[in-house]
């Protein structure tokens, strides 16, 4: 899959950086900063092509992913743990993410059961959890939609590179290529609430629920909930188990495999993608991680985005 790429340009990046650095508000405590005058200035600075791309992806009709480079992240502190690095950083990267989400027409949201309720998550190896397949580990991670165990999973995700790893790659996979391989009877069964889905090591507490794999969300959009592997998803009937077996085999089809794209996200690169929602049909992407993380300081920041009209309601 080809991901549309945009670059802010050095002049925009420098102005953007100065403005975000000057915004003193701790967004963990004051997410209403989205209405701050500085955000309006940031919106004025962005090239029209970038604003148009952000708004198109929010319409769930095209460009399942976009990548914007030159996004200010501020200082990248050194330290032995992610906790030490967080304590010594400025708020530039968080304010950049909040401004981009605002322009896109989304709100940054989180769950009280994930990273202490932060609205910007830090994806980095955590001591004692390095061997987990999660946002806190170093292990490769199979394709998945984000947080399918929640009643209302995120509509979109944003990943902002802080420090890269030479080997660990972010995977993107267009789900429409999978849906084309599935017969109608499988897709019909996927609409039945017969699948138990649970969270993994990235959550502060284990969370699970029984859901259909294809459902309609509160905005009337179709939503896909899925893990590529069956580590965290179970059919509660024999027929539901057969559906999962069929999907597992479908992932091995050549037409599916050729739609998996690997990205080595660098500092200041912002990847935004649709989390498997669409109007009248399933679009968007699943994502994962290829190869083990070698750099102990590899660091992304992550935002869960919901369309603002629904989040505010």
C-alpha atoms as a PDB file:
ATOM      1  CA  UNK A   1       0.000   0.000   0.000  1.00  0.00           C
ATOM      2  CA  UNK A   2       1.221   3.493  -0.817  1.00  0.00           C
ATOM      3  CA  UNK A   3       0.871   5.923   2.069  1.00  0.00           C
ATOM      4  CA  UNK A   4       0.457   9.593   1.077  1.00  0.00           C
ATOM      5  CA  UNK A   5       3.340  11.626   2.504  1.00  0.00           C
ATOM      6  CA  UNK A   6       3.470  15.326   3.356  1.00  0.00           C
ATOM      7  CA  UNK A   7       6.274  17.513   4.671  1.00  0.00           C
ATOM      8  CA  UNK A   8       5.703  20.693   6.645  1.00  0.00           C
ATOM      9  CA  UNK A   9       8.809  22.424   5.324  1.00  0.00           C
ATOM     10  CA  UNK A  10      11.559  24.019   7.397  1.00  0.00           C
ATOM     11  CA  UNK A  11       9.923  27.435   7.814  1.00  0.00           C
ATOM     12  CA  UNK A  12       6.592  25.972   8.909  1.00  0.00           C
ATOM     13  CA  UNK A  13       8.374  23.504  11.174  1.00  0.00           C
ATOM     14  CA  UNK A  14      10.342  26.252  12.912  1.00  0.00           C
ATOM     15  CA  UNK A  15       7.285  28.472  13.459  1.00  0.00           C
ATOM     16  CA  UNK A  16       5.220  25.458  14.517  1.00  0.00           C
ATOM     17  CA  UNK A  17       7.968  24.471  16.955  1.00  0.00           C
ATOM     18  CA  UNK A  18       8.218  27.912  18.541  1.00  0.00           C
ATOM     19  CA  UNK A  19       4.461  28.146  19.022  1.00  0.00           C
ATOM     20  CA  UNK A  20       4.055  24.677  20.497  1.00  0.00           C
ATOM     21  CA  UNK A  21       7.038  25.183  22.784  1.00  0.00           C
ATOM     22  CA  UNK A  22       5.497  28.441  24.013  1.00  0.00           C
ATOM     23  CA  UNK A  23       2.206  26.763  24.934  1.00  0.00           C
ATOM     24  CA  UNK A  24       2.671  26.273  28.697  1.00  0.00           C
ATOM     25  CA  UNK A  25      -0.380  24.138  29.388  1.00  0.00           C
ATOM     26  CA  UNK A  26       0.031  20.573  30.602  1.00  0.00           C
ATOM     27  CA  UNK A  27      -2.419  18.852  28.262  1.00  0.00           C
ATOM     28  CA  UNK A  28      -2.685  15.851  30.570  1.00  0.00           C
ATOM     29  CA  UNK A  29      -4.627  18.130  32.905  1.00  0.00           C
ATOM     30  CA  UNK A  30      -6.096  20.617  30.413  1.00  0.00           C
ATOM     31  CA  UNK A  31      -7.117  18.930  27.149  1.00  0.00           C
ATOM     32  CA  UNK A  32      -9.358  21.928  26.408  1.00  0.00           C
ATOM     33  CA  UNK A  33      -6.170  23.561  25.064  1.00  0.00           C
ATOM     34  CA  UNK A  34      -7.632  22.583  21.660  1.00  0.00           C
ATOM     35  CA  UNK A  35      -9.528  25.886  21.820  1.00  0.00           C
ATOM     36  CA  UNK A  36      -6.385  27.882  22.597  1.00  0.00           C
ATOM     37  CA  UNK A  37      -5.472  30.724  20.251  1.00  0.00           C
ATOM     38  CA  UNK A  38      -2.119  29.063  19.560  1.00  0.00           C
ATOM     39  CA  UNK A  39      -3.893  26.111  17.978  1.00  0.00           C
ATOM     40  CA  UNK A  40      -5.651  28.503  15.611  1.00  0.00           C
ATOM     41  CA  UNK A  41      -2.247  29.891  14.656  1.00  0.00           C
ATOM     42  CA  UNK A  42      -0.928  26.397  14.039  1.00  0.00           C
ATOM     43  CA  UNK A  43      -3.881  25.704  11.793  1.00  0.00           C
ATOM     44  CA  UNK A  44      -3.046  28.870   9.859  1.00  0.00           C
ATOM     45  CA  UNK A  45       0.558  27.710   9.397  1.00  0.00           C
ATOM     46  CA  UNK A  46      -0.181  24.268   8.013  1.00  0.00           C
ATOM     47  CA  UNK A  47      -0.113  23.926   4.228  1.00  0.00           C
ATOM     48  CA  UNK A  48      -3.593  23.617   2.739  1.00  0.00           C
ATOM     49  CA  UNK A  49      -2.648  20.241   1.260  1.00  0.00           C
ATOM     50  CA  UNK A  50      -1.980  18.892   4.769  1.00  0.00           C
ATOM     51  CA  UNK A  51      -5.221  20.299   6.190  1.00  0.00           C
ATOM     52  CA  UNK A  52      -7.170  18.832   3.277  1.00  0.00           C
ATOM     53  CA  UNK A  53      -5.518  15.428   3.791  1.00  0.00           C
ATOM     54  CA  UNK A  54      -6.333  15.429   7.512  1.00  0.00           C
ATOM     55  CA  UNK A  55      -9.958  16.261   6.855  1.00  0.00           C
ATOM     56  CA  UNK A  56     -10.283  13.674   4.064  1.00  0.00           C
ATOM     57  CA  UNK A  57      -9.041  10.835   6.224  1.00  0.00           C
ATOM     58  CA  UNK A  58     -11.565  11.838   8.909  1.00  0.00           C
ATOM     59  CA  UNK A  59     -14.356  11.333   6.352  1.00  0.00           C
ATOM     60  CA  UNK A  60     -13.504   7.592   6.221  1.00  0.00           C
ATOM     61  CA  UNK A  61     -13.712   7.531   2.440  1.00  0.00           C
ATOM     62  CA  UNK A  62     -10.102   7.604   1.223  1.00  0.00           C
ATOM     63  CA  UNK A  63      -6.449   7.717   2.346  1.00  0.00           C
ATOM     64  CA  UNK A  64      -6.638   5.136   5.120  1.00  0.00           C
ATOM     65  CA  UNK A  65      -3.219   6.404   6.313  1.00  0.00           C
ATOM     66  CA  UNK A  66      -1.163   9.548   5.899  1.00  0.00           C
ATOM     67  CA  UNK A  67       2.357  10.397   7.059  1.00  0.00           C
ATOM     68  CA  UNK A  68       3.440  13.950   7.924  1.00  0.00           C
ATOM     69  CA  UNK A  69       7.142  14.657   8.446  1.00  0.00           C
ATOM     70  CA  UNK A  70       8.707  17.683  10.074  1.00  0.00           C
ATOM     71  CA  UNK A  71       6.339  17.658  13.067  1.00  0.00           C
ATOM     72  CA  UNK A  72       8.036  19.344  16.061  1.00  0.00           C
ATOM     73  CA  UNK A  73       8.722  17.043  19.020  1.00  0.00           C
ATOM     74  CA  UNK A  74      10.921  19.292  21.171  1.00  0.00           C
ATOM     75  CA  UNK A  75      13.806  18.007  23.210  1.00  0.00           C
ATOM     76  CA  UNK A  76      14.452  14.250  23.393  1.00  0.00           C
ATOM     77  CA  UNK A  77      15.855  13.671  26.886  1.00  0.00           C
ATOM     78  CA  UNK A  78      18.276  10.894  27.672  1.00  0.00           C
ATOM     79  CA  UNK A  79      17.658   8.566  30.587  1.00  0.00           C
ATOM     80  CA  UNK A  80      17.580   4.987  31.751  1.00  0.00           C
ATOM     81  CA  UNK A  81      13.780   4.649  31.596  1.00  0.00           C
ATOM     82  CA  UNK A  82      10.814   6.165  29.829  1.00  0.00           C
ATOM     83  CA  UNK A  83       9.660   7.587  33.178  1.00  0.00           C
ATOM     84  CA  UNK A  84      12.913   9.570  33.558  1.00  0.00           C
ATOM     85  CA  UNK A  85      12.727  10.827  29.984  1.00  0.00           C
ATOM     86  CA  UNK A  86       9.124  11.975  30.408  1.00  0.00           C
ATOM     87  CA  UNK A  87       9.994  13.920  33.538  1.00  0.00           C
ATOM     88  CA  UNK A  88      12.577  15.949  31.615  1.00  0.00           C
ATOM     89  CA  UNK A  89      10.787  16.724  28.351  1.00  0.00           C
ATOM     90  CA  UNK A  90       8.837  19.784  27.246  1.00  0.00           C
ATOM     91  CA  UNK A  91       5.254  19.654  25.952  1.00  0.00           C
ATOM     92  CA  UNK A  92       6.014  20.391  22.290  1.00  0.00           C
ATOM     93  CA  UNK A  93       5.213  16.919  20.923  1.00  0.00           C
ATOM     94  CA  UNK A  94       1.962  16.614  22.880  1.00  0.00           C
ATOM     95  CA  UNK A  95       0.799  20.044  21.755  1.00  0.00           C
ATOM     96  CA  UNK A  96       1.673  19.195  18.150  1.00  0.00           C
ATOM     97  CA  UNK A  97      -0.472  16.061  18.366  1.00  0.00           C
ATOM     98  CA  UNK A  98      -3.363  17.904  19.953  1.00  0.00           C
ATOM     99  CA  UNK A  99      -3.285  20.618  17.286  1.00  0.00           C
ATOM    100  CA  UNK A 100      -3.206  18.072  14.440  1.00  0.00           C
ATOM    101  CA  UNK A 101      -6.137  16.160  15.954  1.00  0.00           C
ATOM    102  CA  UNK A 102      -8.086  19.413  16.315  1.00  0.00           C
ATOM    103  CA  UNK A 103      -7.524  20.316  12.661  1.00  0.00           C
ATOM    104  CA  UNK A 104      -8.589  16.812  11.679  1.00  0.00           C
ATOM    105  CA  UNK A 105     -11.892  17.295  13.528  1.00  0.00           C
ATOM    106  CA  UNK A 106     -11.104  14.772  16.265  1.00  0.00           C
ATOM    107  CA  UNK A 107     -10.561  14.706  20.004  1.00  0.00           C
ATOM    108  CA  UNK A 108      -7.716  12.901  21.740  1.00  0.00           C
ATOM    109  CA  UNK A 109      -9.225  10.441  24.196  1.00  0.00           C
ATOM    110  CA  UNK A 110      -8.057   7.646  26.446  1.00  0.00           C
ATOM    111  CA  UNK A 111      -9.216   5.040  28.884  1.00  0.00           C
ATOM    112  CA  UNK A 112      -8.648   5.193  32.656  1.00  0.00           C
ATOM    113  CA  UNK A 113      -7.344   1.615  32.343  1.00  0.00           C
ATOM    114  CA  UNK A 114      -4.511   2.525  29.969  1.00  0.00           C
ATOM    115  CA  UNK A 115      -1.400   4.497  30.922  1.00  0.00           C
ATOM    116  CA  UNK A 116      -3.156   6.068  33.886  1.00  0.00           C
ATOM    117  CA  UNK A 117      -5.766   7.797  31.738  1.00  0.00           C
ATOM    118  CA  UNK A 118      -3.259   9.869  29.725  1.00  0.00           C
ATOM    119  CA  UNK A 119      -4.553  11.285  26.459  1.00  0.00           C
ATOM    120  CA  UNK A 120      -1.071  10.931  24.930  1.00  0.00           C
ATOM    121  CA  UNK A 121       0.511   7.507  25.405  1.00  0.00           C
ATOM    122  CA  UNK A 122       4.207   6.695  25.401  1.00  0.00           C
ATOM    123  CA  UNK A 123       5.090   3.577  23.434  1.00  0.00           C
ATOM    124  CA  UNK A 124       8.477   2.445  24.700  1.00  0.00           C
ATOM    125  CA  UNK A 125       9.999  -0.645  26.349  1.00  0.00           C
ATOM    126  CA  UNK A 126       9.147  -0.791  30.055  1.00  0.00           C
ATOM    127  CA  UNK A 127      11.374  -2.641  32.491  1.00  0.00           C
ATOM    128  CA  UNK A 128       9.940  -6.005  33.421  1.00  0.00           C
ATOM    129  CA  UNK A 129       7.632  -6.063  30.375  1.00  0.00           C
ATOM    130  CA  UNK A 130      10.236  -6.250  27.592  1.00  0.00           C
ATOM    131  CA  UNK A 131       9.181  -9.758  26.531  1.00  0.00           C
ATOM    132  CA  UNK A 132       5.513  -8.916  26.026  1.00  0.00           C
ATOM    133  CA  UNK A 133       3.794  -8.349  22.688  1.00  0.00           C
ATOM    134  CA  UNK A 134       2.380  -4.994  23.629  1.00  0.00           C
ATOM    135  CA  UNK A 135       3.024  -1.252  23.642  1.00  0.00           C
ATOM    136  CA  UNK A 136       5.303  -1.815  26.669  1.00  0.00           C
ATOM    137  CA  UNK A 137       7.368  -4.661  25.186  1.00  0.00           C
ATOM    138  CA  UNK A 138      10.048  -5.263  22.574  1.00  0.00           C
ATOM    139  CA  UNK A 139       8.570  -8.298  20.837  1.00  0.00           C
ATOM    140  CA  UNK A 140       7.070  -8.307  17.318  1.00  0.00           C
ATOM    141  CA  UNK A 141       3.317  -7.799  17.338  1.00  0.00           C
ATOM    142  CA  UNK A 142       0.812  -9.281  14.888  1.00  0.00           C
ATOM    143  CA  UNK A 143      -1.658  -7.172  12.919  1.00  0.00           C
ATOM    144  CA  UNK A 144      -4.646  -5.878  14.846  1.00  0.00           C
ATOM    145  CA  UNK A 145      -7.209  -3.132  15.091  1.00  0.00           C
ATOM    146  CA  UNK A 146      -6.651  -1.007  18.171  1.00  0.00           C
ATOM    147  CA  UNK A 147      -8.444  -1.929  21.406  1.00  0.00           C
ATOM    148  CA  UNK A 148     -11.155  -4.170  19.906  1.00  0.00           C
ATOM    149  CA  UNK A 149     -12.082  -5.172  23.483  1.00  0.00           C
ATOM    150  CA  UNK A 150     -13.566  -1.715  24.189  1.00  0.00           C
ATOM    151  CA  UNK A 151     -17.216  -0.840  23.680  1.00  0.00           C
ATOM    152  CA  UNK A 152     -16.105   2.193  21.630  1.00  0.00           C
ATOM    153  CA  UNK A 153     -12.566   1.643  20.286  1.00  0.00           C
ATOM    154  CA  UNK A 154     -10.666   4.605  18.777  1.00  0.00           C
ATOM    155  CA  UNK A 155     -11.776   5.770  15.339  1.00  0.00           C
ATOM    156  CA  UNK A 156      -8.228   6.736  14.324  1.00  0.00           C
ATOM    157  CA  UNK A 157      -4.711   6.409  15.686  1.00  0.00           C
ATOM    158  CA  UNK A 158      -1.803   8.835  15.625  1.00  0.00           C
ATOM    159  CA  UNK A 159       1.815   7.721  16.118  1.00  0.00           C
ATOM    160  CA  UNK A 160       4.525  10.363  16.471  1.00  0.00           C
ATOM    161  CA  UNK A 161       8.163   9.277  16.232  1.00  0.00           C
ATOM    162  CA  UNK A 162      10.405  10.448  19.066  1.00  0.00           C
ATOM    163  CA  UNK A 163      13.357   8.050  18.687  1.00  0.00           C
ATOM    164  CA  UNK A 164      13.602   5.350  16.030  1.00  0.00           C
ATOM    165  CA  UNK A 165      14.920   1.791  16.000  1.00  0.00           C
ATOM    166  CA  UNK A 166      16.890   0.530  12.969  1.00  0.00           C
ATOM    167  CA  UNK A 167      15.069  -2.801  12.842  1.00  0.00           C
ATOM    168  CA  UNK A 168      11.620  -2.581  14.448  1.00  0.00           C
ATOM    169  CA  UNK A 169       9.113  -1.580  11.761  1.00  0.00           C
ATOM    170  CA  UNK A 170       5.511  -0.441  12.031  1.00  0.00           C
ATOM    171  CA  UNK A 171       3.238  -2.556   9.835  1.00  0.00           C
ATOM    172  CA  UNK A 172       0.205  -1.211   7.984  1.00  0.00           C
ATOM    173  CA  UNK A 173      -2.348  -3.453   6.320  1.00  0.00           C
ATOM    174  CA  UNK A 174      -5.396  -2.375   4.322  1.00  0.00           C
ATOM    175  CA  UNK A 175      -8.324  -4.363   5.669  1.00  0.00           C
ATOM    176  CA  UNK A 176     -10.314  -4.141   2.425  1.00  0.00           C
ATOM    177  CA  UNK A 177      -7.850  -6.619   0.878  1.00  0.00           C
ATOM    178  CA  UNK A 178      -8.800  -9.110   3.593  1.00  0.00           C
ATOM    179  CA  UNK A 179     -12.527  -8.472   3.312  1.00  0.00           C
ATOM    180  CA  UNK A 180     -12.356  -9.220  -0.429  1.00  0.00           C
ATOM    181  CA  UNK A 181     -11.074 -12.715   0.367  1.00  0.00           C
ATOM    182  CA  UNK A 182     -13.923 -13.572   2.732  1.00  0.00           C
ATOM    183  CA  UNK A 183     -17.153 -15.211   1.493  1.00  0.00           C
ATOM    184  CA  UNK A 184     -20.473 -13.638   2.383  1.00  0.00           C
ATOM    185  CA  UNK A 185     -21.347 -16.322   4.940  1.00  0.00           C
ATOM    186  CA  UNK A 186     -18.181 -15.523   6.893  1.00  0.00           C
ATOM    187  CA  UNK A 187     -18.939 -11.795   6.844  1.00  0.00           C
ATOM    188  CA  UNK A 188     -22.493 -12.521   7.967  1.00  0.00           C
ATOM    189  CA  UNK A 189     -21.236 -14.572  10.922  1.00  0.00           C
ATOM    190  CA  UNK A 190     -18.772 -11.807  11.801  1.00  0.00           C
ATOM    191  CA  UNK A 191     -21.782  -9.580  12.542  1.00  0.00           C
ATOM    192  CA  UNK A 192     -22.955 -11.888  15.340  1.00  0.00           C
ATOM    193  CA  UNK A 193     -21.880 -11.124  18.959  1.00  0.00           C
ATOM    194  CA  UNK A 194     -20.124 -14.465  19.366  1.00  0.00           C
ATOM    195  CA  UNK A 195     -16.503 -13.449  19.925  1.00  0.00           C
ATOM    196  CA  UNK A 196     -14.789 -12.907  23.264  1.00  0.00           C
ATOM    197  CA  UNK A 197     -12.010 -10.322  22.956  1.00  0.00           C
ATOM    198  CA  UNK A 198      -9.622  -9.360  25.744  1.00  0.00           C
ATOM    199  CA  UNK A 199      -6.853  -6.844  26.316  1.00  0.00           C
ATOM    200  CA  UNK A 200      -3.179  -7.643  26.722  1.00  0.00           C
ATOM    201  CA  UNK A 201      -0.167  -6.417  28.654  1.00  0.00           C
ATOM    202  CA  UNK A 202      -0.484  -2.846  27.344  1.00  0.00           C
ATOM    203  CA  UNK A 203      -3.532  -2.240  29.569  1.00  0.00           C
ATOM    204  CA  UNK A 204      -3.214  -1.461  33.255  1.00  0.00           C
ATOM    205  CA  UNK A 205      -6.015  -3.954  33.957  1.00  0.00           C
ATOM    206  CA  UNK A 206      -7.378  -6.875  31.970  1.00  0.00           C
ATOM    207  CA  UNK A 207     -10.478  -5.860  30.060  1.00  0.00           C
ATOM    208  CA  UNK A 208     -12.674  -8.094  27.915  1.00  0.00           C
ATOM    209  CA  UNK A 209     -16.084  -8.350  26.351  1.00  0.00           C
ATOM    210  CA  UNK A 210     -18.199 -10.266  23.843  1.00  0.00           C
ATOM    211  CA  UNK A 211     -18.649  -8.486  20.519  1.00  0.00           C
ATOM    212  CA  UNK A 212     -19.344  -9.019  16.829  1.00  0.00           C
ATOM    213  CA  UNK A 213     -16.287  -8.630  14.613  1.00  0.00           C
ATOM    214  CA  UNK A 214     -18.245  -6.268  12.334  1.00  0.00           C
ATOM    215  CA  UNK A 215     -20.635  -3.829  13.982  1.00  0.00           C
ATOM    216  CA  UNK A 216     -22.117  -0.372  13.582  1.00  0.00           C
ATOM    217  CA  UNK A 217     -20.763   2.322  15.873  1.00  0.00           C
ATOM    218  CA  UNK A 218     -22.683   5.194  17.428  1.00  0.00           C
ATOM    219  CA  UNK A 219     -21.990   7.392  14.377  1.00  0.00           C
ATOM    220  CA  UNK A 220     -23.526   4.854  11.995  1.00  0.00           C
ATOM    221  CA  UNK A 221     -20.150   3.727  10.628  1.00  0.00           C
ATOM    222  CA  UNK A 222     -19.185   0.093  10.236  1.00  0.00           C
ATOM    223  CA  UNK A 223     -16.369  -1.032  12.543  1.00  0.00           C
ATOM    224  CA  UNK A 224     -13.983  -3.995  12.356  1.00  0.00           C
ATOM    225  CA  UNK A 225     -12.641  -5.627  15.540  1.00  0.00           C
ATOM    226  CA  UNK A 226      -9.890  -8.136  14.828  1.00  0.00           C
ATOM    227  CA  UNK A 227      -6.562  -9.650  15.803  1.00  0.00           C
ATOM    228  CA  UNK A 228      -4.547 -11.482  13.169  1.00  0.00           C
ATOM    229  CA  UNK A 229      -3.667 -14.203  15.685  1.00  0.00           C
ATOM    230  CA  UNK A 230      -6.021 -15.829  18.165  1.00  0.00           C
ATOM    231  CA  UNK A 231      -4.075 -15.066  21.316  1.00  0.00           C
ATOM    232  CA  UNK A 232      -6.698 -12.596  22.561  1.00  0.00           C
ATOM    233  CA  UNK A 233      -9.825 -13.523  20.610  1.00  0.00           C
ATOM    234  CA  UNK A 234     -12.053 -16.592  21.043  1.00  0.00           C
ATOM    235  CA  UNK A 235     -15.262 -17.847  19.471  1.00  0.00           C
ATOM    236  CA  UNK A 236     -17.873 -18.705  22.087  1.00  0.00           C
ATOM    237  CA  UNK A 237     -19.547 -21.228  19.749  1.00  0.00           C
ATOM    238  CA  UNK A 238     -18.129 -23.891  17.446  1.00  0.00           C
ATOM    239  CA  UNK A 239     -19.321 -21.900  14.419  1.00  0.00           C
ATOM    240  CA  UNK A 240     -17.586 -18.768  15.685  1.00  0.00           C
ATOM    241  CA  UNK A 241     -14.364 -20.760  16.097  1.00  0.00           C
ATOM    242  CA  UNK A 242     -14.647 -21.927  12.488  1.00  0.00           C
ATOM    243  CA  UNK A 243     -14.996 -18.290  11.401  1.00  0.00           C
ATOM    244  CA  UNK A 244     -11.773 -17.415  13.213  1.00  0.00           C
ATOM    245  CA  UNK A 245      -9.988 -20.381  11.615  1.00  0.00           C
ATOM    246  CA  UNK A 246     -11.139 -19.241   8.174  1.00  0.00           C
ATOM    247  CA  UNK A 247      -9.928 -15.671   8.797  1.00  0.00           C
ATOM    248  CA  UNK A 248      -6.607 -16.969  10.097  1.00  0.00           C
ATOM    249  CA  UNK A 249      -6.059 -18.838   6.822  1.00  0.00           C
ATOM    250  CA  UNK A 250      -7.203 -15.852   4.754  1.00  0.00           C
ATOM    251  CA  UNK A 251      -4.340 -13.797   6.189  1.00  0.00           C
ATOM    252  CA  UNK A 252      -1.941 -16.184   4.407  1.00  0.00           C
ATOM    253  CA  UNK A 253      -3.392 -15.483   0.951  1.00  0.00           C
ATOM    254  CA  UNK A 254      -0.898 -13.793  -1.443  1.00  0.00           C
ATOM    255  CA  UNK A 255      -3.346 -10.971  -2.219  1.00  0.00           C
ATOM    256  CA  UNK A 256      -3.508 -10.225   1.485  1.00  0.00           C
ATOM    257  CA  UNK A 257       0.221 -10.509   2.140  1.00  0.00           C
ATOM    258  CA  UNK A 258       1.133  -8.070  -0.627  1.00  0.00           C
ATOM    259  CA  UNK A 259      -0.924  -5.376   1.093  1.00  0.00           C
ATOM    260  CA  UNK A 260       1.242  -5.366   4.235  1.00  0.00           C
ATOM    261  CA  UNK A 261       3.511  -2.311   4.232  1.00  0.00           C
ATOM    262  CA  UNK A 262       6.422  -1.691   6.637  1.00  0.00           C
ATOM    263  CA  UNK A 263       7.428   1.787   7.862  1.00  0.00           C
ATOM    264  CA  UNK A 264      10.456   2.773   9.922  1.00  0.00           C
ATOM    265  CA  UNK A 265       8.947   5.776  11.685  1.00  0.00           C
ATOM    266  CA  UNK A 266      11.567   8.453  12.352  1.00  0.00           C
ATOM    267  CA  UNK A 267      11.768  11.391  14.751  1.00  0.00           C
ATOM    268  CA  UNK A 268       9.194  14.029  13.812  1.00  0.00           C
ATOM    269  CA  UNK A 269       7.201  11.711  11.541  1.00  0.00           C
ATOM    270  CA  UNK A 270       3.503  11.497  12.360  1.00  0.00           C
ATOM    271  CA  UNK A 271       1.518   8.519  11.076  1.00  0.00           C
ATOM    272  CA  UNK A 272      -2.273   8.852  11.219  1.00  0.00           C
ATOM    273  CA  UNK A 273      -4.557   6.006  10.216  1.00  0.00           C
ATOM    274  CA  UNK A 274      -8.138   4.797  10.184  1.00  0.00           C
ATOM    275  CA  UNK A 275      -8.762   2.089  12.803  1.00  0.00           C
ATOM    276  CA  UNK A 276     -11.059  -0.056  10.652  1.00  0.00           C
ATOM    277  CA  UNK A 277     -14.167   2.096  10.261  1.00  0.00           C
ATOM    278  CA  UNK A 278     -16.025   3.014   7.092  1.00  0.00           C
ATOM    279  CA  UNK A 279     -19.268   4.240   5.632  1.00  0.00           C
ATOM    280  CA  UNK A 280     -21.285   1.311   4.208  1.00  0.00           C
ATOM    281  CA  UNK A 281     -18.156  -0.890   4.019  1.00  0.00           C
ATOM    282  CA  UNK A 282     -15.103  -1.767   6.071  1.00  0.00           C
ATOM    283  CA  UNK A 283     -12.025   0.319   5.242  1.00  0.00           C
ATOM    284  CA  UNK A 284      -8.988   1.441   7.217  1.00  0.00           C
ATOM    285  CA  UNK A 285      -5.985  -0.506   8.400  1.00  0.00           C
ATOM    286  CA  UNK A 286      -4.724  -3.009  10.901  1.00  0.00           C
ATOM    287  CA  UNK A 287      -1.265  -2.361  12.286  1.00  0.00           C
ATOM    288  CA  UNK A 288       1.510  -4.292  13.986  1.00  0.00           C
ATOM    289  CA  UNK A 289       5.252  -4.480  14.610  1.00  0.00           C
ATOM    290  CA  UNK A 290       7.826  -6.403  12.581  1.00  0.00           C
ATOM    291  CA  UNK A 291      11.091  -7.514  14.229  1.00  0.00           C
ATOM    292  CA  UNK A 292      12.200  -7.146  17.819  1.00  0.00           C
ATOM    293  CA  UNK A 293      13.090  -3.724  19.199  1.00  0.00           C
ATOM    294  CA  UNK A 294      16.868  -3.459  19.630  1.00  0.00           C
ATOM    295  CA  UNK A 295      17.180   0.178  20.706  1.00  0.00           C
ATOM    296  CA  UNK A 296      16.150   0.354  24.400  1.00  0.00           C
ATOM    297  CA  UNK A 297      15.280   4.041  23.885  1.00  0.00           C
ATOM    298  CA  UNK A 298      12.910   3.526  20.949  1.00  0.00           C
ATOM    299  CA  UNK A 299       9.982   5.819  21.637  1.00  0.00           C
ATOM    300  CA  UNK A 300       6.729   6.733  19.939  1.00  0.00           C
ATOM    301  CA  UNK A 301       3.895   8.812  21.268  1.00  0.00           C
ATOM    302  CA  UNK A 302       0.400   7.587  20.532  1.00  0.00           C
ATOM    303  CA  UNK A 303      -2.979   9.268  20.453  1.00  0.00           C
ATOM    304  CA  UNK A 304      -6.422   7.655  20.278  1.00  0.00           C
ATOM    305  CA  UNK A 305      -8.701   9.819  18.153  1.00  0.00           C
ATOM    306  CA  UNK A 306     -12.472   9.949  18.007  1.00  0.00           C
ATOM    307  CA  UNK A 307     -14.539  12.086  15.692  1.00  0.00           C
ATOM    308  CA  UNK A 308     -15.271  15.167  17.756  1.00  0.00           C
ATOM    309  CA  UNK A 309     -19.008  15.286  17.170  1.00  0.00           C
ATOM    310  CA  UNK A 310     -19.331  11.898  18.870  1.00  0.00           C
ATOM    311  CA  UNK A 311     -16.670  12.418  21.541  1.00  0.00           C
ATOM    312  CA  UNK A 312     -18.233  15.678  22.696  1.00  0.00           C
ATOM    313  CA  UNK A 313     -21.691  14.162  22.871  1.00  0.00           C
END
